[in-house]
């Protein structure tokens, strides 16, 4: 698993796991639940241009770290072949989080139910 998700104190917390913690240069990301717009699965996002990477890792089939494209900053931590969970944010450092997680469909439902 690349990322663990949890909710504590009205915050969504993303915890990169294992080597992806080092590759993404992030130990944890915390965002207020009130700033989570929604979550979805977007299998096409991995085929799009990610933008400029800084800092992070980008090798064929694996993206980890910060990417800026058209003044929008995204955090990626996912390997090709995984279903990308895309979490849209407002008023946060990142516009979106693109994550590989276990049970992506359950994660999307859980996040969306937590913000409604």
C-alpha atoms as a PDB file:
ATOM      1  CA  UNK A   1       0.000   0.000   0.000  1.00  0.00           C
ATOM      2  CA  UNK A   2       1.304   3.448  -0.853  1.00  0.00           C
ATOM      3  CA  UNK A   3      -0.859   5.606   1.419  1.00  0.00           C
ATOM      4  CA  UNK A   4      -2.996   5.264   4.514  1.00  0.00           C
ATOM      5  CA  UNK A   5      -5.908   7.610   5.049  1.00  0.00           C
ATOM      6  CA  UNK A   6      -7.509   8.557   8.336  1.00  0.00           C
ATOM      7  CA  UNK A   7      -9.707  11.251   9.794  1.00  0.00           C
ATOM      8  CA  UNK A   8      -8.890  12.855  13.131  1.00  0.00           C
ATOM      9  CA  UNK A   9     -10.041  16.156  14.631  1.00  0.00           C
ATOM     10  CA  UNK A  10     -11.971  17.118  11.469  1.00  0.00           C
ATOM     11  CA  UNK A  11      -8.871  16.625   9.314  1.00  0.00           C
ATOM     12  CA  UNK A  12      -8.171  14.194   6.516  1.00  0.00           C
ATOM     13  CA  UNK A  13      -4.691  12.806   7.056  1.00  0.00           C
ATOM     14  CA  UNK A  14      -2.645  11.141   4.309  1.00  0.00           C
ATOM     15  CA  UNK A  15       0.258   8.996   5.479  1.00  0.00           C
ATOM     16  CA  UNK A  16       2.609   7.816   2.717  1.00  0.00           C
ATOM     17  CA  UNK A  17       3.931   4.344   3.547  1.00  0.00           C
ATOM     18  CA  UNK A  18       7.274   2.622   3.127  1.00  0.00           C
ATOM     19  CA  UNK A  19       9.610   3.853   0.419  1.00  0.00           C
ATOM     20  CA  UNK A  20       6.916   6.143  -1.001  1.00  0.00           C
ATOM     21  CA  UNK A  21       7.321   8.223   2.149  1.00  0.00           C
ATOM     22  CA  UNK A  22      10.896   8.988   1.098  1.00  0.00           C
ATOM     23  CA  UNK A  23      10.157   9.309  -2.626  1.00  0.00           C
ATOM     24  CA  UNK A  24       7.340  11.817  -2.030  1.00  0.00           C
ATOM     25  CA  UNK A  25       9.367  13.754   0.544  1.00  0.00           C
ATOM     26  CA  UNK A  26       6.256  13.886   2.739  1.00  0.00           C
ATOM     27  CA  UNK A  27       5.745  12.245   6.082  1.00  0.00           C
ATOM     28  CA  UNK A  28       2.124  13.345   6.275  1.00  0.00           C
ATOM     29  CA  UNK A  29      -0.408  15.673   4.688  1.00  0.00           C
ATOM     30  CA  UNK A  30      -3.248  17.114   6.771  1.00  0.00           C
ATOM     31  CA  UNK A  31      -6.195  18.980   5.262  1.00  0.00           C
ATOM     32  CA  UNK A  32      -9.309  20.308   6.916  1.00  0.00           C
ATOM     33  CA  UNK A  33     -12.388  18.231   6.067  1.00  0.00           C
ATOM     34  CA  UNK A  34     -14.253  21.453   5.305  1.00  0.00           C
ATOM     35  CA  UNK A  35     -11.759  22.042   2.468  1.00  0.00           C
ATOM     36  CA  UNK A  36     -12.292  18.622   0.882  1.00  0.00           C
ATOM     37  CA  UNK A  37     -14.574  19.163  -2.119  1.00  0.00           C
ATOM     38  CA  UNK A  38     -14.887  15.476  -2.973  1.00  0.00           C
ATOM     39  CA  UNK A  39     -13.142  12.296  -3.989  1.00  0.00           C
ATOM     40  CA  UNK A  40     -13.340  10.185  -7.137  1.00  0.00           C
ATOM     41  CA  UNK A  41     -11.472   7.569  -9.114  1.00  0.00           C
ATOM     42  CA  UNK A  42      -9.903   8.923 -12.312  1.00  0.00           C
ATOM     43  CA  UNK A  43      -8.007   6.264 -14.246  1.00  0.00           C
ATOM     44  CA  UNK A  44      -7.130   8.728 -17.027  1.00  0.00           C
ATOM     45  CA  UNK A  45      -5.202  11.103 -14.780  1.00  0.00           C
ATOM     46  CA  UNK A  46      -2.067   8.985 -14.929  1.00  0.00           C
ATOM     47  CA  UNK A  47      -1.897   9.482 -18.707  1.00  0.00           C
ATOM     48  CA  UNK A  48      -2.051  13.294 -18.446  1.00  0.00           C
ATOM     49  CA  UNK A  49       0.942  15.600 -18.198  1.00  0.00           C
ATOM     50  CA  UNK A  50       1.545  16.109 -14.472  1.00  0.00           C
ATOM     51  CA  UNK A  51       3.327  19.448 -14.685  1.00  0.00           C
ATOM     52  CA  UNK A  52       6.604  20.558 -13.174  1.00  0.00           C
ATOM     53  CA  UNK A  53       7.871  18.335 -10.372  1.00  0.00           C
ATOM     54  CA  UNK A  54       9.387  20.070  -7.353  1.00  0.00           C
ATOM     55  CA  UNK A  55      10.214  18.372  -5.059  1.00  0.00           C
ATOM     56  CA  UNK A  56       9.541  14.724  -5.666  1.00  0.00           C
ATOM     57  CA  UNK A  57      10.187  11.660  -7.760  1.00  0.00           C
ATOM     58  CA  UNK A  58       9.035  10.853 -11.265  1.00  0.00           C
ATOM     59  CA  UNK A  59      10.214   7.644 -12.862  1.00  0.00           C
ATOM     60  CA  UNK A  60       8.351   5.661 -15.508  1.00  0.00           C
ATOM     61  CA  UNK A  61       5.247   4.282 -13.843  1.00  0.00           C
ATOM     62  CA  UNK A  62       5.639   6.057 -10.495  1.00  0.00           C
ATOM     63  CA  UNK A  63       4.907   9.613  -9.395  1.00  0.00           C
ATOM     64  CA  UNK A  64       5.527  10.947  -5.901  1.00  0.00           C
ATOM     65  CA  UNK A  65       5.669  14.532  -4.687  1.00  0.00           C
ATOM     66  CA  UNK A  66       4.527  17.992  -5.703  1.00  0.00           C
ATOM     67  CA  UNK A  67       3.606  18.807  -9.300  1.00  0.00           C
ATOM     68  CA  UNK A  68       2.544  22.252 -10.553  1.00  0.00           C
ATOM     69  CA  UNK A  69       0.551  22.693 -13.753  1.00  0.00           C
ATOM     70  CA  UNK A  70      -1.265  25.879 -14.812  1.00  0.00           C
ATOM     71  CA  UNK A  71      -0.716  27.387 -11.339  1.00  0.00           C
ATOM     72  CA  UNK A  72      -2.431  24.409  -9.676  1.00  0.00           C
ATOM     73  CA  UNK A  73      -0.365  22.395  -7.236  1.00  0.00           C
ATOM     74  CA  UNK A  74      -1.072  18.671  -6.932  1.00  0.00           C
ATOM     75  CA  UNK A  75       0.404  15.980  -4.736  1.00  0.00           C
ATOM     76  CA  UNK A  76       0.891  12.597  -6.397  1.00  0.00           C
ATOM     77  CA  UNK A  77       1.840   9.354  -4.710  1.00  0.00           C
ATOM     78  CA  UNK A  78       0.852   6.495  -6.978  1.00  0.00           C
ATOM     79  CA  UNK A  79       2.196   3.747  -9.201  1.00  0.00           C
ATOM     80  CA  UNK A  80       0.832   2.947 -12.653  1.00  0.00           C
ATOM     81  CA  UNK A  81      -1.609   0.062 -12.493  1.00  0.00           C
ATOM     82  CA  UNK A  82      -3.307   1.355  -9.342  1.00  0.00           C
ATOM     83  CA  UNK A  83      -6.705   3.036  -9.425  1.00  0.00           C
ATOM     84  CA  UNK A  84      -6.006   6.693  -8.628  1.00  0.00           C
ATOM     85  CA  UNK A  85      -8.079   8.226  -5.852  1.00  0.00           C
ATOM     86  CA  UNK A  86      -8.315  11.936  -6.658  1.00  0.00           C
ATOM     87  CA  UNK A  87      -9.248  14.194  -3.751  1.00  0.00           C
ATOM     88  CA  UNK A  88     -10.239  17.724  -4.810  1.00  0.00           C
ATOM     89  CA  UNK A  89      -9.404  20.471  -2.308  1.00  0.00           C
ATOM     90  CA  UNK A  90     -10.060  24.186  -1.818  1.00  0.00           C
ATOM     91  CA  UNK A  91      -8.159  26.728   0.290  1.00  0.00           C
ATOM     92  CA  UNK A  92      -5.272  24.317   0.900  1.00  0.00           C
ATOM     93  CA  UNK A  93      -1.646  24.075  -0.238  1.00  0.00           C
ATOM     94  CA  UNK A  94      -2.692  21.520  -2.877  1.00  0.00           C
ATOM     95  CA  UNK A  95      -5.573  21.714  -5.350  1.00  0.00           C
ATOM     96  CA  UNK A  96      -5.774  17.932  -5.445  1.00  0.00           C
ATOM     97  CA  UNK A  97      -4.241  14.783  -4.064  1.00  0.00           C
ATOM     98  CA  UNK A  98      -3.739  11.812  -6.405  1.00  0.00           C
ATOM     99  CA  UNK A  99      -3.169   8.708  -4.331  1.00  0.00           C
ATOM    100  CA  UNK A 100      -2.785   4.977  -4.521  1.00  0.00           C
ATOM    101  CA  UNK A 101      -4.618   3.273  -1.650  1.00  0.00           C
ATOM    102  CA  UNK A 102      -5.978  -0.141  -0.811  1.00  0.00           C
ATOM    103  CA  UNK A 103      -9.659  -0.444  -1.740  1.00  0.00           C
ATOM    104  CA  UNK A 104      -9.946   2.798  -3.733  1.00  0.00           C
ATOM    105  CA  UNK A 105     -13.728   2.517  -4.155  1.00  0.00           C
ATOM    106  CA  UNK A 106     -14.200   2.185  -0.381  1.00  0.00           C
ATOM    107  CA  UNK A 107     -11.830   5.115   0.211  1.00  0.00           C
ATOM    108  CA  UNK A 108     -13.804   7.342  -2.179  1.00  0.00           C
ATOM    109  CA  UNK A 109     -17.119   6.425  -0.527  1.00  0.00           C
ATOM    110  CA  UNK A 110     -15.665   6.921   2.950  1.00  0.00           C
ATOM    111  CA  UNK A 111     -14.243  10.375   2.119  1.00  0.00           C
ATOM    112  CA  UNK A 112     -17.406  11.564   0.356  1.00  0.00           C
ATOM    113  CA  UNK A 113     -19.612  10.340   3.216  1.00  0.00           C
ATOM    114  CA  UNK A 114     -17.344  12.069   5.737  1.00  0.00           C
ATOM    115  CA  UNK A 115     -17.714  15.486   4.100  1.00  0.00           C
ATOM    116  CA  UNK A 116     -21.509  15.388   3.672  1.00  0.00           C
END
